[in-house]
């Protein structure tokens, strides 16, 4: 197969997938090694960018996804008459930050850090697809563990969790500071 034909296969595969696809899965489809496949994806992504096309190929933590070019978003949203995406409230952002930095984490651990019930926040974040269940903790009651998703990375414009800002400390409460009223 010619390089342009392989790029076309990658393009079609990413298009029909609708979600992020791992480099390994793409390599299997085109029957090439990962390094060659990654180079082809990069070449294809550059073509979309250079030609100012309406689609882009983005990398999300070692996976790739086809998405709308940012400059086209407003036009598409208006044409589809989609509801304006609601922003995240302060409680949702706090809960999401705890999950992002402490993952995998249980609801009880989130509540211990925030000092309030986290049921609503966790449920809203699950509905929006920003977090997901990541298994169960091996402790009494086997509580559900939560972690962030690729949708979280997309929402905040990160490629990997390593791009999260450095907190320079812990998210856990400092009891001394609280008791002194600081």
C-alpha atoms as a PDB file:
ATOM      1  CA  UNK A   1       0.000   0.000   0.000  1.00  0.00           C
ATOM      2  CA  UNK A   2       1.171   3.526  -0.735  1.00  0.00           C
ATOM      3  CA  UNK A   3       1.772   6.000   2.081  1.00  0.00           C
ATOM      4  CA  UNK A   4      -1.226   8.118   0.995  1.00  0.00           C
ATOM      5  CA  UNK A   5      -3.436   5.018   1.055  1.00  0.00           C
ATOM      6  CA  UNK A   6      -2.269   4.131   4.567  1.00  0.00           C
ATOM      7  CA  UNK A   7      -2.938   7.703   5.699  1.00  0.00           C
ATOM      8  CA  UNK A   8      -6.434   7.402   4.199  1.00  0.00           C
ATOM      9  CA  UNK A   9      -7.018   4.216   6.221  1.00  0.00           C
ATOM     10  CA  UNK A  10      -5.853   5.968   9.413  1.00  0.00           C
ATOM     11  CA  UNK A  11      -8.068   8.945   8.601  1.00  0.00           C
ATOM     12  CA  UNK A  12     -11.124   6.731   8.026  1.00  0.00           C
ATOM     13  CA  UNK A  13     -10.446   4.672  11.147  1.00  0.00           C
ATOM     14  CA  UNK A  14     -10.148   7.762  13.360  1.00  0.00           C
ATOM     15  CA  UNK A  15     -13.258   9.263  11.773  1.00  0.00           C
ATOM     16  CA  UNK A  16     -15.493   6.244  12.383  1.00  0.00           C
ATOM     17  CA  UNK A  17     -14.104   5.622  15.871  1.00  0.00           C
ATOM     18  CA  UNK A  18     -15.416   8.893  17.233  1.00  0.00           C
ATOM     19  CA  UNK A  19     -13.285   8.490  20.359  1.00  0.00           C
ATOM     20  CA  UNK A  20      -9.564   8.450  21.059  1.00  0.00           C
ATOM     21  CA  UNK A  21      -7.834   5.340  19.679  1.00  0.00           C
ATOM     22  CA  UNK A  22      -4.517   4.010  20.985  1.00  0.00           C
ATOM     23  CA  UNK A  23      -1.438   4.040  18.795  1.00  0.00           C
ATOM     24  CA  UNK A  24      -1.296   0.244  19.089  1.00  0.00           C
ATOM     25  CA  UNK A  25      -4.824  -0.170  17.720  1.00  0.00           C
ATOM     26  CA  UNK A  26      -4.085   2.115  14.786  1.00  0.00           C
ATOM     27  CA  UNK A  27      -0.818   0.271  14.073  1.00  0.00           C
ATOM     28  CA  UNK A  28      -2.714  -3.044  13.938  1.00  0.00           C
ATOM     29  CA  UNK A  29      -5.225  -1.632  11.464  1.00  0.00           C
ATOM     30  CA  UNK A  30      -2.539  -0.413   9.044  1.00  0.00           C
ATOM     31  CA  UNK A  31      -0.306  -3.407   9.799  1.00  0.00           C
ATOM     32  CA  UNK A  32       2.731  -1.270  10.581  1.00  0.00           C
ATOM     33  CA  UNK A  33       4.978  -0.832  13.608  1.00  0.00           C
ATOM     34  CA  UNK A  34       4.127   1.862  16.150  1.00  0.00           C
ATOM     35  CA  UNK A  35       6.977   4.215  15.194  1.00  0.00           C
ATOM     36  CA  UNK A  36       5.990   4.234  11.499  1.00  0.00           C
ATOM     37  CA  UNK A  37       2.320   4.583  12.404  1.00  0.00           C
ATOM     38  CA  UNK A  38       3.065   7.504  14.726  1.00  0.00           C
ATOM     39  CA  UNK A  39       5.018   9.226  11.947  1.00  0.00           C
ATOM     40  CA  UNK A  40       2.105   8.738   9.521  1.00  0.00           C
ATOM     41  CA  UNK A  41      -0.358  10.146  12.059  1.00  0.00           C
ATOM     42  CA  UNK A  42       1.927  13.129  12.601  1.00  0.00           C
ATOM     43  CA  UNK A  43       2.169  13.728   8.868  1.00  0.00           C
ATOM     44  CA  UNK A  44      -1.597  13.508   8.483  1.00  0.00           C
ATOM     45  CA  UNK A  45      -2.176  15.826  11.465  1.00  0.00           C
ATOM     46  CA  UNK A  46       0.248  18.361   9.955  1.00  0.00           C
ATOM     47  CA  UNK A  47      -1.634  18.253   6.651  1.00  0.00           C
ATOM     48  CA  UNK A  48      -4.903  19.078   8.407  1.00  0.00           C
ATOM     49  CA  UNK A  49      -3.245  21.956  10.242  1.00  0.00           C
ATOM     50  CA  UNK A  50      -1.308  23.330   7.252  1.00  0.00           C
ATOM     51  CA  UNK A  51      -4.240  23.123   4.863  1.00  0.00           C
ATOM     52  CA  UNK A  52      -6.505  24.842   7.437  1.00  0.00           C
ATOM     53  CA  UNK A  53      -9.008  21.970   7.219  1.00  0.00           C
ATOM     54  CA  UNK A  54     -12.113  21.760   9.408  1.00  0.00           C
ATOM     55  CA  UNK A  55     -10.811  18.703  11.239  1.00  0.00           C
ATOM     56  CA  UNK A  56      -7.763  18.059  13.377  1.00  0.00           C
ATOM     57  CA  UNK A  57      -6.055  14.982  14.762  1.00  0.00           C
ATOM     58  CA  UNK A  58      -5.098  15.456  18.386  1.00  0.00           C
ATOM     59  CA  UNK A  59      -3.028  13.301  20.713  1.00  0.00           C
ATOM     60  CA  UNK A  60      -4.482  12.406  24.099  1.00  0.00           C
ATOM     61  CA  UNK A  61      -2.152  10.490  26.387  1.00  0.00           C
ATOM     62  CA  UNK A  62      -0.791   8.177  23.693  1.00  0.00           C
ATOM     63  CA  UNK A  63      -4.086   7.919  21.820  1.00  0.00           C
ATOM     64  CA  UNK A  64      -5.346   9.876  18.825  1.00  0.00           C
ATOM     65  CA  UNK A  65      -8.698  11.378  17.979  1.00  0.00           C
ATOM     66  CA  UNK A  66     -10.186  13.266  15.084  1.00  0.00           C
ATOM     67  CA  UNK A  67     -12.034  16.394  16.181  1.00  0.00           C
ATOM     68  CA  UNK A  68     -13.368  19.672  14.853  1.00  0.00           C
ATOM     69  CA  UNK A  69     -10.845  22.457  14.283  1.00  0.00           C
ATOM     70  CA  UNK A  70     -11.200  25.039  17.073  1.00  0.00           C
ATOM     71  CA  UNK A  71     -11.850  27.869  14.608  1.00  0.00           C
ATOM     72  CA  UNK A  72     -14.902  25.989  13.275  1.00  0.00           C
ATOM     73  CA  UNK A  73     -16.525  25.255  16.599  1.00  0.00           C
ATOM     74  CA  UNK A  74     -18.820  28.303  16.795  1.00  0.00           C
ATOM     75  CA  UNK A  75     -20.137  27.705  13.289  1.00  0.00           C
ATOM     76  CA  UNK A  76     -20.850  24.045  13.962  1.00  0.00           C
ATOM     77  CA  UNK A  77     -22.485  24.800  17.301  1.00  0.00           C
ATOM     78  CA  UNK A  78     -24.776  27.378  15.691  1.00  0.00           C
ATOM     79  CA  UNK A  79     -25.663  25.072  12.800  1.00  0.00           C
ATOM     80  CA  UNK A  80     -26.518  22.198  15.123  1.00  0.00           C
ATOM     81  CA  UNK A  81     -28.324  24.543  17.535  1.00  0.00           C
ATOM     82  CA  UNK A  82     -26.580  22.810  20.393  1.00  0.00           C
ATOM     83  CA  UNK A  83     -27.090  23.993  23.920  1.00  0.00           C
ATOM     84  CA  UNK A  84     -24.288  26.110  25.269  1.00  0.00           C
ATOM     85  CA  UNK A  85     -22.017  23.882  27.355  1.00  0.00           C
ATOM     86  CA  UNK A  86     -22.405  24.815  30.980  1.00  0.00           C
ATOM     87  CA  UNK A  87     -19.254  25.634  32.832  1.00  0.00           C
ATOM     88  CA  UNK A  88     -18.126  23.739  35.878  1.00  0.00           C
ATOM     89  CA  UNK A  89     -19.226  25.079  39.257  1.00  0.00           C
ATOM     90  CA  UNK A  90     -16.739  25.656  42.066  1.00  0.00           C
ATOM     91  CA  UNK A  91     -17.716  22.411  43.883  1.00  0.00           C
ATOM     92  CA  UNK A  92     -17.322  20.434  40.631  1.00  0.00           C
ATOM     93  CA  UNK A  93     -13.919  22.009  39.952  1.00  0.00           C
ATOM     94  CA  UNK A  94     -12.751  21.279  43.505  1.00  0.00           C
ATOM     95  CA  UNK A  95     -13.878  17.666  43.275  1.00  0.00           C
ATOM     96  CA  UNK A  96     -12.324  17.267  39.826  1.00  0.00           C
ATOM     97  CA  UNK A  97      -9.018  18.711  41.054  1.00  0.00           C
ATOM     98  CA  UNK A  98      -8.918  16.240  43.931  1.00  0.00           C
ATOM     99  CA  UNK A  99      -9.597  13.334  41.585  1.00  0.00           C
ATOM    100  CA  UNK A 100      -7.038  14.546  39.021  1.00  0.00           C
ATOM    101  CA  UNK A 101      -4.231  14.895  41.566  1.00  0.00           C
ATOM    102  CA  UNK A 102      -5.047  11.964  43.868  1.00  0.00           C
ATOM    103  CA  UNK A 103      -6.390   9.369  41.398  1.00  0.00           C
ATOM    104  CA  UNK A 104      -7.486   6.741  41.830  1.00  0.00           C
ATOM    105  CA  UNK A 105      -9.510   8.050  44.778  1.00  0.00           C
ATOM    106  CA  UNK A 106     -12.672   7.026  46.628  1.00  0.00           C
ATOM    107  CA  UNK A 107     -15.672   9.254  47.318  1.00  0.00           C
ATOM    108  CA  UNK A 108     -14.878   9.026  51.053  1.00  0.00           C
ATOM    109  CA  UNK A 109     -11.352  10.339  50.408  1.00  0.00           C
ATOM    110  CA  UNK A 110     -12.790  13.221  48.354  1.00  0.00           C
ATOM    111  CA  UNK A 111     -15.235  14.033  51.151  1.00  0.00           C
ATOM    112  CA  UNK A 112     -12.438  13.922  53.739  1.00  0.00           C
ATOM    113  CA  UNK A 113     -10.422  16.467  51.744  1.00  0.00           C
ATOM    114  CA  UNK A 114     -13.374  18.750  50.862  1.00  0.00           C
ATOM    115  CA  UNK A 115     -15.158  18.386  54.192  1.00  0.00           C
ATOM    116  CA  UNK A 116     -18.577  18.016  52.526  1.00  0.00           C
ATOM    117  CA  UNK A 117     -20.659  15.307  50.877  1.00  0.00           C
ATOM    118  CA  UNK A 118     -19.416  14.620  47.329  1.00  0.00           C
ATOM    119  CA  UNK A 119     -22.362  12.608  45.958  1.00  0.00           C
ATOM    120  CA  UNK A 120     -23.734  15.370  43.736  1.00  0.00           C
ATOM    121  CA  UNK A 121     -20.337  16.494  42.420  1.00  0.00           C
ATOM    122  CA  UNK A 122     -19.172  12.961  41.627  1.00  0.00           C
ATOM    123  CA  UNK A 123     -22.463  12.131  39.896  1.00  0.00           C
ATOM    124  CA  UNK A 124     -22.323  15.317  37.771  1.00  0.00           C
ATOM    125  CA  UNK A 125     -18.702  14.638  36.785  1.00  0.00           C
ATOM    126  CA  UNK A 126     -19.634  11.058  35.851  1.00  0.00           C
ATOM    127  CA  UNK A 127     -22.569  12.354  33.742  1.00  0.00           C
ATOM    128  CA  UNK A 128     -20.261  14.744  31.904  1.00  0.00           C
ATOM    129  CA  UNK A 129     -17.754  11.960  31.295  1.00  0.00           C
ATOM    130  CA  UNK A 130     -14.908  13.836  32.986  1.00  0.00           C
ATOM    131  CA  UNK A 131     -14.357  11.005  35.479  1.00  0.00           C
ATOM    132  CA  UNK A 132     -15.026   7.274  35.470  1.00  0.00           C
ATOM    133  CA  UNK A 133     -14.988   4.318  37.806  1.00  0.00           C
ATOM    134  CA  UNK A 134     -11.510   2.825  38.017  1.00  0.00           C
ATOM    135  CA  UNK A 135     -12.249  -0.315  39.959  1.00  0.00           C
ATOM    136  CA  UNK A 136     -12.665  -0.933  43.666  1.00  0.00           C
ATOM    137  CA  UNK A 137     -10.338  -0.344  46.579  1.00  0.00           C
ATOM    138  CA  UNK A 138      -9.193  -3.459  48.407  1.00  0.00           C
ATOM    139  CA  UNK A 139     -10.603  -2.425  51.785  1.00  0.00           C
ATOM    140  CA  UNK A 140     -13.772  -3.104  53.786  1.00  0.00           C
ATOM    141  CA  UNK A 141     -16.850  -2.295  51.738  1.00  0.00           C
ATOM    142  CA  UNK A 142     -14.800  -2.291  48.512  1.00  0.00           C
ATOM    143  CA  UNK A 143     -15.454   1.417  47.753  1.00  0.00           C
ATOM    144  CA  UNK A 144     -15.429   2.561  44.116  1.00  0.00           C
ATOM    145  CA  UNK A 145     -12.274   4.294  42.906  1.00  0.00           C
ATOM    146  CA  UNK A 146     -12.558   7.253  40.527  1.00  0.00           C
ATOM    147  CA  UNK A 147     -10.113   8.658  37.983  1.00  0.00           C
ATOM    148  CA  UNK A 148     -10.189  11.236  35.207  1.00  0.00           C
ATOM    149  CA  UNK A 149     -10.957  10.349  31.579  1.00  0.00           C
ATOM    150  CA  UNK A 150      -9.687  11.358  28.158  1.00  0.00           C
ATOM    151  CA  UNK A 151     -12.660  13.763  28.064  1.00  0.00           C
ATOM    152  CA  UNK A 152     -11.057  15.498  31.072  1.00  0.00           C
ATOM    153  CA  UNK A 153      -7.826  15.892  29.110  1.00  0.00           C
ATOM    154  CA  UNK A 154      -9.731  17.309  26.110  1.00  0.00           C
ATOM    155  CA  UNK A 155     -11.824  19.647  28.267  1.00  0.00           C
ATOM    156  CA  UNK A 156      -8.734  21.244  29.789  1.00  0.00           C
ATOM    157  CA  UNK A 157      -6.516  21.008  26.709  1.00  0.00           C
ATOM    158  CA  UNK A 158      -3.985  18.551  28.150  1.00  0.00           C
ATOM    159  CA  UNK A 159      -2.298  15.710  26.300  1.00  0.00           C
ATOM    160  CA  UNK A 160      -1.335  13.881  29.504  1.00  0.00           C
ATOM    161  CA  UNK A 161      -1.875  14.205  33.243  1.00  0.00           C
ATOM    162  CA  UNK A 162       1.786  15.199  33.552  1.00  0.00           C
ATOM    163  CA  UNK A 163       0.724  18.621  32.236  1.00  0.00           C
ATOM    164  CA  UNK A 164      -1.340  19.340  35.354  1.00  0.00           C
ATOM    165  CA  UNK A 165       0.066  22.357  37.189  1.00  0.00           C
ATOM    166  CA  UNK A 166       2.380  21.494  40.083  1.00  0.00           C
ATOM    167  CA  UNK A 167       0.477  21.942  43.341  1.00  0.00           C
ATOM    168  CA  UNK A 168       3.680  22.237  45.346  1.00  0.00           C
ATOM    169  CA  UNK A 169       2.081  20.345  48.209  1.00  0.00           C
ATOM    170  CA  UNK A 170      -0.771  18.183  49.266  1.00  0.00           C
ATOM    171  CA  UNK A 171      -4.498  18.617  48.666  1.00  0.00           C
ATOM    172  CA  UNK A 172      -5.188  17.245  52.122  1.00  0.00           C
ATOM    173  CA  UNK A 173      -6.405  19.588  54.827  1.00  0.00           C
ATOM    174  CA  UNK A 174      -3.816  21.146  57.098  1.00  0.00           C
ATOM    175  CA  UNK A 175      -5.439  20.784  60.515  1.00  0.00           C
ATOM    176  CA  UNK A 176      -3.021  23.257  62.129  1.00  0.00           C
ATOM    177  CA  UNK A 177      -3.921  25.974  59.631  1.00  0.00           C
ATOM    178  CA  UNK A 178      -7.660  25.270  60.082  1.00  0.00           C
ATOM    179  CA  UNK A 179      -7.475  25.289  63.872  1.00  0.00           C
ATOM    180  CA  UNK A 180      -5.631  28.612  63.850  1.00  0.00           C
ATOM    181  CA  UNK A 181      -8.207  30.094  61.493  1.00  0.00           C
ATOM    182  CA  UNK A 182      -5.707  30.861  58.744  1.00  0.00           C
END
